[in-house]
Amino acid sequence: MEYFGIDLSCAIGSLRNGKFPEKDCLLPLFSKVLGYCIVAASTTVKLPQILKILKHGSVRGLSMVAFEMEVVGYTIALAYCLHKGLPFSAYGELAFLLIQGIILVAIIYYYSQPVGTLTWIRALLYCAIAPTILAGQMDPMLFEALYASQHAIFFCARVPQMWANFKNKSTGELSFLTCFMNSAGSIVRVFTSIQEKAPSSVILGSVIGIITNGTILSQIIIYQKPQVKKDKKVK
């Protein structure tokens, strides 16, 4: 009995015999369910950030390069998972994060007018190269090297934002909810990747996500507290 790649026969068989399913039966099942929960949650993970920008009409405190590099990282990671033939429950969120990431970058461009020539060149290069990467039409060795580099890309994508937060002692228009969901998703994805027997490089990407997203989340908590106190004094 299998639905969406989730094998229920083991658990149902144990329950019919009046026994509680064993760990070897429950863990893969739990991993699959969690995987699909992450995919479902990812459809709205960047929505709070998008709505916050649209509400205030500002991208104050946001690093454009950081969000651009995120899109590049999502593209490479998604292409690699497709190329490796991993189950959708193990990487599905990357597709939704990529779509939302592109929308978010477009909104940042809109509110950062005038956009410089170098920014448009980066955007055009991405549009020209991304389809080839997603189609997997690359030398296998080059593809492996490219995927290995995406960990550095994701790390470097967070560094400009972390530095901007530290320098300004403010997180500007960063959304707490989006950063929290990113951190929680990375934690859960480590567990599901191990259960799905994903390559160690995939697991490493989730670990980096925990560290970097957790750092930004802590900055939001630290730098927003003084602002709240200041507002109270003004009142």
Protein backbone atom coordinates (compact mmCIF):
# COMPACT_ATOMS: atom_id res chain seq x y z
CA MET A 1 0.00 0.00 0.00
CA GLU A 2 1.82 3.11 -1.25
CA TYR A 3 0.67 6.69 -1.67
CA PHE A 4 2.95 9.45 -3.06
CA GLY A 5 5.96 7.23 -2.44
CA ILE A 6 4.92 6.60 1.19
CA ASP A 7 4.77 2.88 1.99
CA LEU A 8 2.04 2.32 4.61
CA SER A 9 1.95 -1.48 4.44
CA CYS A 10 4.52 -1.97 7.21
CA ALA A 11 2.75 0.28 9.72
CA ILE A 12 -0.76 -0.94 8.85
CA GLY A 13 0.35 -4.58 9.02
CA SER A 14 1.78 -4.10 12.52
CA LEU A 15 -1.36 -2.31 13.75
CA ARG A 16 -3.61 -5.05 12.36
CA ASN A 17 -1.64 -7.58 14.39
CA GLY A 18 -2.14 -5.48 17.49
CA LYS A 19 1.49 -4.38 17.59
CA PHE A 20 3.01 -0.91 17.57
CA PRO A 21 5.20 -0.42 14.46
CA GLU A 22 8.93 -0.83 15.09
CA LYS A 23 11.48 1.95 14.68
CA ASP A 24 12.75 0.59 11.35
CA CYS A 25 9.21 0.83 10.06
CA LEU A 26 8.26 4.21 11.54
CA LEU A 27 11.39 6.26 10.77
CA PRO A 28 11.19 5.99 6.94
CA LEU A 29 7.45 6.68 7.13
CA PHE A 30 7.97 9.67 9.43
CA SER A 31 10.74 10.95 7.16
CA LYS A 32 8.52 10.81 4.07
CA VAL A 33 5.67 12.63 5.83
CA LEU A 34 8.06 15.30 7.14
CA GLY A 35 9.56 15.66 3.67
CA TYR A 36 6.18 16.41 2.14
CA CYS A 37 5.37 18.78 5.03
CA ILE A 38 8.52 20.74 4.20
CA VAL A 39 7.54 20.84 0.53
CA ALA A 40 4.03 22.06 1.45
CA ALA A 41 5.37 24.71 3.84
CA SER A 42 7.91 25.90 1.27
CA THR A 43 5.12 27.17 -0.99
CA THR A 44 4.68 30.15 1.35
CA VAL A 45 8.04 30.40 3.14
CA LYS A 46 9.11 33.62 1.40
CA LEU A 47 5.61 35.10 1.27
CA PRO A 48 6.00 36.99 4.61
CA GLN A 49 9.18 38.64 3.28
CA ILE A 50 7.49 39.57 0.00
CA LEU A 51 4.42 40.99 1.78
CA LYS A 52 6.57 42.98 4.22
CA ILE A 53 8.42 44.66 1.35
CA LEU A 54 5.18 45.42 -0.52
CA LYS A 55 3.51 46.74 2.63
CA HIS A 56 6.31 49.20 3.46
CA GLY A 57 7.35 49.85 -0.13
CA SER A 58 10.96 49.53 0.98
CA VAL A 59 13.91 47.14 0.80
CA ARG A 60 15.80 48.92 3.60
CA GLY A 61 18.51 46.74 5.10
CA LEU A 62 18.22 43.99 2.47
CA SER A 63 21.29 42.89 0.53
CA MET A 64 20.45 42.57 -3.18
CA VAL A 65 23.51 40.40 -3.85
CA ALA A 66 22.52 38.04 -1.03
CA PHE A 67 19.11 37.35 -2.56
CA GLU A 68 20.59 37.02 -6.07
CA MET A 69 23.10 34.43 -4.85
CA GLU A 70 20.28 32.56 -3.10
CA VAL A 71 18.51 32.15 -6.45
CA VAL A 72 21.73 30.83 -8.03
CA GLY A 73 22.16 28.37 -5.15
CA TYR A 74 18.57 27.13 -5.39
CA THR A 75 18.98 26.63 -9.15
CA ILE A 76 22.12 24.51 -8.77
CA ALA A 77 20.71 22.47 -5.86
CA LEU A 78 17.42 21.78 -7.70
CA ALA A 79 19.23 20.77 -10.89
CA TYR A 80 21.50 18.39 -8.95
CA CYS A 81 18.60 16.68 -7.15
CA LEU A 82 16.74 16.25 -10.45
CA HIS A 83 19.89 14.87 -12.07
CA LYS A 84 20.42 12.38 -9.21
CA GLY A 85 16.82 11.19 -9.43
CA LEU A 86 16.05 11.79 -5.74
CA PRO A 87 12.41 11.42 -4.62
CA PHE A 88 10.37 14.63 -4.79
CA SER A 89 9.86 14.54 -1.02
CA ALA A 90 13.63 14.97 -0.59
CA TYR A 91 14.01 18.18 -2.61
CA GLY A 92 10.59 19.48 -3.69
CA GLU A 93 10.89 22.64 -1.61
CA LEU A 94 13.78 23.81 -3.80
CA ALA A 95 11.44 24.29 -6.76
CA PHE A 96 9.07 26.49 -4.76
CA LEU A 97 11.91 28.39 -3.07
CA LEU A 98 13.46 29.08 -6.47
CA ILE A 99 10.21 30.50 -7.87
CA GLN A 100 9.64 32.68 -4.80
CA GLY A 101 13.30 33.71 -4.78
CA ILE A 102 13.06 34.97 -8.37
CA ILE A 103 9.90 36.92 -7.51
CA LEU A 104 11.62 38.39 -4.46
CA VAL A 105 14.66 39.50 -6.48
CA ALA A 106 12.36 41.13 -9.05
CA ILE A 107 10.60 43.06 -6.26
CA ILE A 108 13.95 44.15 -4.79
CA TYR A 109 15.00 45.38 -8.26
CA TYR A 110 11.74 47.35 -8.51
CA TYR A 111 12.20 49.09 -5.16
CA SER A 112 15.94 49.67 -5.74
CA GLN A 113 15.50 51.93 -8.78
CA PRO A 114 17.58 52.95 -10.57
CA VAL A 115 19.15 49.52 -11.04
CA GLY A 116 22.75 49.64 -12.25
CA THR A 117 24.09 48.13 -15.47
CA LEU A 118 26.06 45.46 -13.59
CA THR A 119 22.86 44.25 -11.93
CA TRP A 120 21.13 43.82 -15.29
CA ILE A 121 24.16 41.96 -16.65
CA ARG A 122 23.99 39.51 -13.71
CA ALA A 123 20.27 38.99 -14.33
CA LEU A 124 20.75 38.35 -18.07
CA LEU A 125 23.61 35.91 -17.42
CA TYR A 126 21.40 33.96 -15.04
CA CYS A 127 18.54 33.79 -17.57
CA ALA A 128 20.96 32.55 -20.23
CA ILE A 129 22.69 29.86 -18.12
CA ALA A 130 19.98 28.62 -15.73
CA PRO A 131 17.99 26.58 -18.34
CA THR A 132 21.13 24.60 -19.27
CA ILE A 133 21.91 23.84 -15.61
CA LEU A 134 18.33 22.79 -14.81
CA ALA A 135 18.26 20.53 -17.88
CA GLY A 136 21.44 18.82 -16.66
CA GLN A 137 23.11 19.34 -20.04
CA MET A 138 26.60 19.49 -18.57
CA ASP A 139 29.63 17.27 -18.18
CA PRO A 140 29.05 15.05 -15.08
CA MET A 141 32.35 16.08 -13.49
CA LEU A 142 31.58 19.75 -14.04
CA PHE A 143 28.09 19.21 -12.60
CA GLU A 144 29.55 17.66 -9.43
CA ALA A 145 31.99 20.55 -9.09
CA LEU A 146 29.20 23.06 -9.63
CA TYR A 147 27.06 21.42 -6.95
CA ALA A 148 29.99 21.39 -4.54
CA SER A 149 30.34 25.14 -5.13
CA GLN A 150 26.70 25.80 -4.27
CA HIS A 151 27.47 25.29 -0.58
CA ALA A 152 29.93 28.18 -0.81
CA ILE A 153 27.34 30.14 -2.79
CA PHE A 154 24.68 29.72 -0.11
CA PHE A 155 27.18 30.59 2.62
CA CYS A 156 28.39 33.67 0.75
CA ALA A 157 24.77 34.63 0.04
CA ARG A 158 24.12 34.95 3.76
CA VAL A 159 27.37 36.74 4.65
CA PRO A 160 26.50 40.13 2.98
CA GLN A 161 23.15 40.12 4.79
CA MET A 162 24.70 39.17 8.13
CA TRP A 163 27.35 41.88 7.70
CA ALA A 164 24.72 44.49 6.75
CA ASN A 165 22.71 43.57 9.84
CA PHE A 166 25.79 43.82 12.06
CA LYS A 167 26.98 47.11 10.53
CA ASN A 168 23.55 48.78 10.72
CA LYS A 169 22.64 47.19 14.07
CA SER A 170 19.29 46.63 12.38
CA THR A 171 17.69 43.98 10.20
CA GLY A 172 15.60 46.47 8.23
CA GLU A 173 12.76 44.82 6.32
CA LEU A 174 13.89 41.24 6.96
CA SER A 175 10.97 39.00 7.88
CA PHE A 176 11.30 37.07 11.15
CA LEU A 177 8.76 34.47 10.00
CA THR A 178 10.60 33.76 6.74
CA CYS A 179 13.95 33.37 8.53
CA PHE A 180 12.36 31.16 11.18
CA MET A 181 10.79 28.88 8.56
CA ASN A 182 14.12 28.67 6.70
CA SER A 183 15.91 27.63 9.90
CA ALA A 184 13.26 25.08 10.90
CA GLY A 185 13.19 23.65 7.38
CA SER A 186 16.96 23.17 7.35
CA ILE A 187 16.84 21.31 10.68
CA VAL A 188 14.11 18.94 9.52
CA ARG A 189 15.76 18.44 6.11
CA VAL A 190 18.92 17.06 7.76
CA PHE A 191 16.82 14.25 9.27
CA THR A 192 14.89 13.50 6.08
CA SER A 193 18.04 13.58 3.91
CA ILE A 194 19.70 10.99 6.15
CA GLN A 195 16.61 8.77 5.99
CA GLU A 196 16.37 9.14 2.18
CA LYS A 197 20.09 8.19 1.94
CA ALA A 198 20.80 11.44 0.11
CA PRO A 199 24.44 12.22 -0.80
CA SER A 200 26.49 13.69 2.06
CA SER A 201 26.86 16.89 0.04
CA VAL A 202 23.06 17.38 0.25
CA ILE A 203 23.14 16.93 4.03
CA LEU A 204 26.05 19.38 4.29
CA GLY A 205 23.95 22.00 2.50
CA SER A 206 21.21 21.66 5.14
CA VAL A 207 23.75 21.95 7.96
CA ILE A 208 25.11 25.18 6.42
CA GLY A 209 21.52 26.39 6.18
CA ILE A 210 21.00 25.77 9.90
CA ILE A 211 24.11 27.80 10.80
CA THR A 212 23.55 30.75 8.45
CA ASN A 213 19.77 31.04 8.81
CA GLY A 214 20.10 30.62 12.57
CA THR A 215 22.63 33.47 12.69
CA ILE A 216 20.34 35.83 10.77
CA LEU A 217 17.38 34.78 12.93
CA SER A 218 19.34 35.59 16.09
CA GLN A 219 20.28 38.99 14.63
CA ILE A 220 16.60 39.77 14.03
CA ILE A 221 15.83 38.91 17.66
CA ILE A 222 18.81 40.88 19.04
CA TYR A 223 18.49 44.01 16.91
CA GLN A 224 14.71 44.35 17.11
CA LYS A 225 14.58 44.43 20.91
CA PRO A 226 16.25 47.84 21.32
CA GLN A 227 13.90 49.26 18.67
CA VAL A 228 10.85 48.12 20.64
CA LYS A 229 12.15 49.79 23.83
CA LYS A 230 12.88 52.97 21.93
CA ASP A 231 9.34 53.08 20.53
CA LYS A 232 7.91 52.68 24.03
CA LYS A 233 9.95 55.64 25.33
CA VAL A 234 8.70 57.85 22.50
CA LYS A 235 5.13 57.03 23.45
